[in-house]
Every structure is written in structure tokens, then in C-alpha cells.
């Protein structure tokens, strides 16, 4: 799998690998845009890096996120991915400061519609980062990971 890294990783492939190492959770278009490379070139190198075990990918929705192999556990990958989306990041930071917050409070603070909050909360709940509970008729959300992990 990991032969002599200096001989196997060079040129554009090393650039792509180094970018993923510096920006865990990056997706194809982000890598291509940041490195000023064609999408096809980046796809080719990502395929080779993944096939040889240098990187792993995780698909979430429309995007496939890339990480260097064996660096992050599943929970850490979920946190990195959530933090890479502005709305999810703002929701998580809000939950760091305020516990048991309602959808309406989140929508007001983040300045998005209630349906947008619902969409993001479903994703955050599915990854295990956020928990949901009822208080009377109100649905409330809480951060489900220790604050020092975010």
C-alpha cells in the first residue's frame, strides 16, 4: 500500500495529496478550483490515491469528501464535513453556546428559513452530531458531541 512515498507521490498527484492533507474533507470541485486544475485531472489522481490507499472518500449528498487515510475517525470526519458548510457550521456554533434550542430560534439566529433549518438538522442528527428531544409541544436540539471535539 504505502511503498516509498517519495517515489510514488510526485507532481500533480503529490499536490492533490498535500491539498487533502492540509484541507481534510475537501471535495473534487474545491480541490480542482484551489489547485487550478481540470476536474478530469483531479478525478484521475484522486482515483489513483484512493486505489493505492493514500486517501479515503466519504459520500455525503452530492459531494464526495476526501481524507488522508487513517488520520480521522468517523466522528471527526462528520465534524469536519459539517464545519465545511456555512449554515451547518453556524448552527453548530450556536449549539455550542445555547442548549436545547428550538428550530425557530435557530432559523432566527442563522437567518435562514425553517425548512432550511430542518434540512440541516436532519443531516446533523443522521451524523450523530446533534440530538433532538421534545419539551411539551416544542422540538429542541442539542449538541451531541463534547465541545472540545469541535
Protein backbone atom coordinates (compact mmCIF):
# COMPACT_ATOMS: atom_id res chain seq x y z
CA UNK A 1 0.00 0.00 0.00
CA UNK A 2 2.43 2.72 1.15
CA UNK A 3 5.64 1.97 -0.67
CA UNK A 4 8.36 4.54 -0.82
CA UNK A 5 6.15 7.63 -0.66
CA UNK A 6 8.72 9.89 -2.25
CA UNK A 7 8.82 7.72 -5.37
CA UNK A 8 5.06 7.11 -5.62
CA UNK A 9 3.79 10.61 -4.89
CA UNK A 10 5.16 13.29 -7.14
CA UNK A 11 4.00 16.09 -9.38
CA UNK A 12 0.27 16.71 -9.61
CA UNK A 13 -0.62 13.63 -7.55
CA UNK A 14 1.52 14.87 -4.66
CA UNK A 15 -0.08 18.32 -4.99
CA UNK A 16 -3.56 16.77 -4.71
CA UNK A 17 -2.49 14.59 -1.76
CA UNK A 18 -0.87 17.55 0.03
CA UNK A 19 -4.02 19.62 -0.51
CA UNK A 20 -6.20 16.90 1.06
CA UNK A 21 -3.76 16.59 3.94
CA UNK A 22 -3.99 20.35 4.55
CA UNK A 23 -7.76 20.53 3.88
CA UNK A 24 -9.37 17.31 5.15
CA UNK A 25 -12.90 16.82 3.88
CA UNK A 26 -12.29 18.71 0.63
CA UNK A 27 -14.39 17.70 -2.35
CA UNK A 28 -13.48 17.34 -6.03
CA UNK A 29 -14.51 20.79 -7.26
CA UNK A 30 -12.91 22.52 -4.29
CA UNK A 31 -9.62 20.71 -4.92
CA UNK A 32 -9.70 21.46 -8.66
CA UNK A 33 -10.58 25.13 -8.09
CA UNK A 34 -7.95 25.64 -5.37
CA UNK A 35 -5.16 23.95 -7.32
CA UNK A 36 -6.25 25.47 -10.64
CA UNK A 37 -6.50 22.02 -12.24
CA UNK A 38 -9.02 20.48 -14.61
CA UNK A 39 -11.74 18.37 -12.94
CA UNK A 40 -10.73 15.33 -15.02
CA UNK A 41 -7.11 15.60 -13.92
CA UNK A 42 -8.11 15.78 -10.26
CA UNK A 43 -10.51 12.83 -10.68
CA UNK A 44 -7.72 10.76 -12.20
CA UNK A 45 -5.31 11.48 -9.36
CA UNK A 46 -7.95 11.02 -6.65
CA UNK A 47 -8.83 7.63 -8.11
CA UNK A 48 -5.16 6.58 -8.02
CA UNK A 49 -4.66 7.93 -4.49
CA UNK A 50 -7.76 6.13 -3.25
CA UNK A 51 -6.90 2.88 -5.07
CA UNK A 52 -3.40 2.88 -3.52
CA UNK A 53 -4.73 3.61 -0.03
CA UNK A 54 -3.39 7.13 0.40
CA UNK A 55 -6.84 8.70 0.73
CA UNK A 56 -10.35 7.58 1.60
CA UNK A 57 -13.58 9.16 0.48
CA UNK A 58 -16.95 9.58 2.08
CA UNK A 59 -20.02 10.50 0.05
CA UNK A 60 -22.49 12.83 1.71
CA UNK A 61 -25.31 14.01 -0.52
CA UNK A 62 -23.96 15.34 -3.80
CA UNK A 63 -20.36 15.61 -2.65
CA UNK A 64 -17.63 13.06 -2.10
CA UNK A 65 -15.27 14.28 0.62
CA UNK A 66 -11.64 13.14 0.74
CA UNK A 67 -9.41 12.47 3.76
CA UNK A 68 -5.90 11.13 4.15
CA UNK A 69 -6.11 7.50 5.21
CA UNK A 70 -6.29 6.58 8.92
CA UNK A 71 -5.99 10.15 10.17
CA UNK A 72 -9.58 10.83 11.25
CA UNK A 73 -12.19 8.60 12.84
CA UNK A 74 -15.79 8.62 11.59
CA UNK A 75 -16.95 11.16 14.18
CA UNK A 76 -14.13 13.54 13.28
CA UNK A 77 -14.95 13.21 9.56
CA UNK A 78 -18.58 14.11 10.33
CA UNK A 79 -17.46 17.19 12.27
CA UNK A 80 -15.08 18.31 9.51
CA UNK A 81 -17.77 17.86 6.89
CA UNK A 82 -20.40 19.75 8.90
CA UNK A 83 -17.99 22.60 9.55
CA UNK A 84 -17.26 22.89 5.84
CA UNK A 85 -20.87 24.05 5.19
CA UNK A 86 -21.53 27.60 6.35
CA UNK A 87 -25.11 27.06 7.58
CA UNK A 88 -24.27 23.82 9.41
CA UNK A 89 -21.21 25.50 10.92
CA UNK A 90 -23.28 28.42 12.20
CA UNK A 91 -25.85 26.00 13.68
CA UNK A 92 -23.13 24.01 15.45
CA UNK A 93 -21.55 27.14 16.87
CA UNK A 94 -24.95 28.28 18.11
CA UNK A 95 -25.47 24.91 19.79
CA UNK A 96 -22.08 25.27 21.47
CA UNK A 97 -23.35 28.37 23.26
CA UNK A 98 -27.01 27.61 23.76
CA UNK A 99 -28.51 24.30 24.81
CA UNK A 100 -31.97 22.94 23.99
CA UNK A 101 -32.72 25.40 21.24
CA UNK A 102 -35.80 25.28 19.01
CA UNK A 103 -35.99 25.29 15.22
CA UNK A 104 -37.43 28.81 15.25
CA UNK A 105 -34.59 30.13 17.40
CA UNK A 106 -32.05 28.52 15.11
CA UNK A 107 -33.73 29.95 11.99
CA UNK A 108 -33.79 33.43 13.55
CA UNK A 109 -30.11 33.33 14.58
CA UNK A 110 -28.77 31.73 11.38
CA UNK A 111 -31.10 33.86 9.22
CA UNK A 112 -32.48 31.03 7.09
CA UNK A 113 -35.95 29.58 6.63
CA UNK A 114 -37.40 26.97 8.97
CA UNK A 115 -37.32 24.40 6.16
CA UNK A 116 -33.60 25.05 5.63
CA UNK A 117 -33.01 24.50 9.35
CA UNK A 118 -34.99 21.24 9.16
CA UNK A 119 -32.84 20.03 6.26
CA UNK A 120 -29.57 20.83 8.07
CA UNK A 121 -30.80 19.39 11.37
CA UNK A 122 -31.73 16.08 9.71
CA UNK A 123 -28.20 15.82 8.32
CA UNK A 124 -26.62 16.74 11.65
CA UNK A 125 -28.83 14.26 13.52
CA UNK A 126 -28.03 11.49 10.99
CA UNK A 127 -24.31 12.01 11.57
CA UNK A 128 -24.80 11.86 15.34
CA UNK A 129 -23.55 15.40 15.94
CA UNK A 130 -26.93 16.68 17.15
CA UNK A 131 -29.68 15.10 19.21
CA UNK A 132 -33.35 16.00 19.22
CA UNK A 133 -35.92 15.82 22.01
CA UNK A 134 -39.39 17.15 22.81
CA UNK A 135 -40.25 19.64 25.52
CA UNK A 136 -44.02 19.77 25.54
CA UNK A 137 -45.07 20.71 22.03
CA UNK A 138 -41.66 22.12 21.18
CA UNK A 139 -38.88 20.19 19.40
CA UNK A 140 -35.46 21.10 20.80
CA UNK A 141 -31.95 20.36 19.59
CA UNK A 142 -28.71 19.81 21.47
CA UNK A 143 -25.10 19.25 20.54
CA UNK A 144 -24.34 15.55 20.83
CA UNK A 145 -20.52 15.72 20.95
CA UNK A 146 -18.18 17.22 23.52
CA UNK A 147 -17.46 20.88 22.78
CA UNK A 148 -13.70 20.22 22.75
CA UNK A 149 -14.12 17.98 19.68
CA UNK A 150 -15.46 20.83 17.55
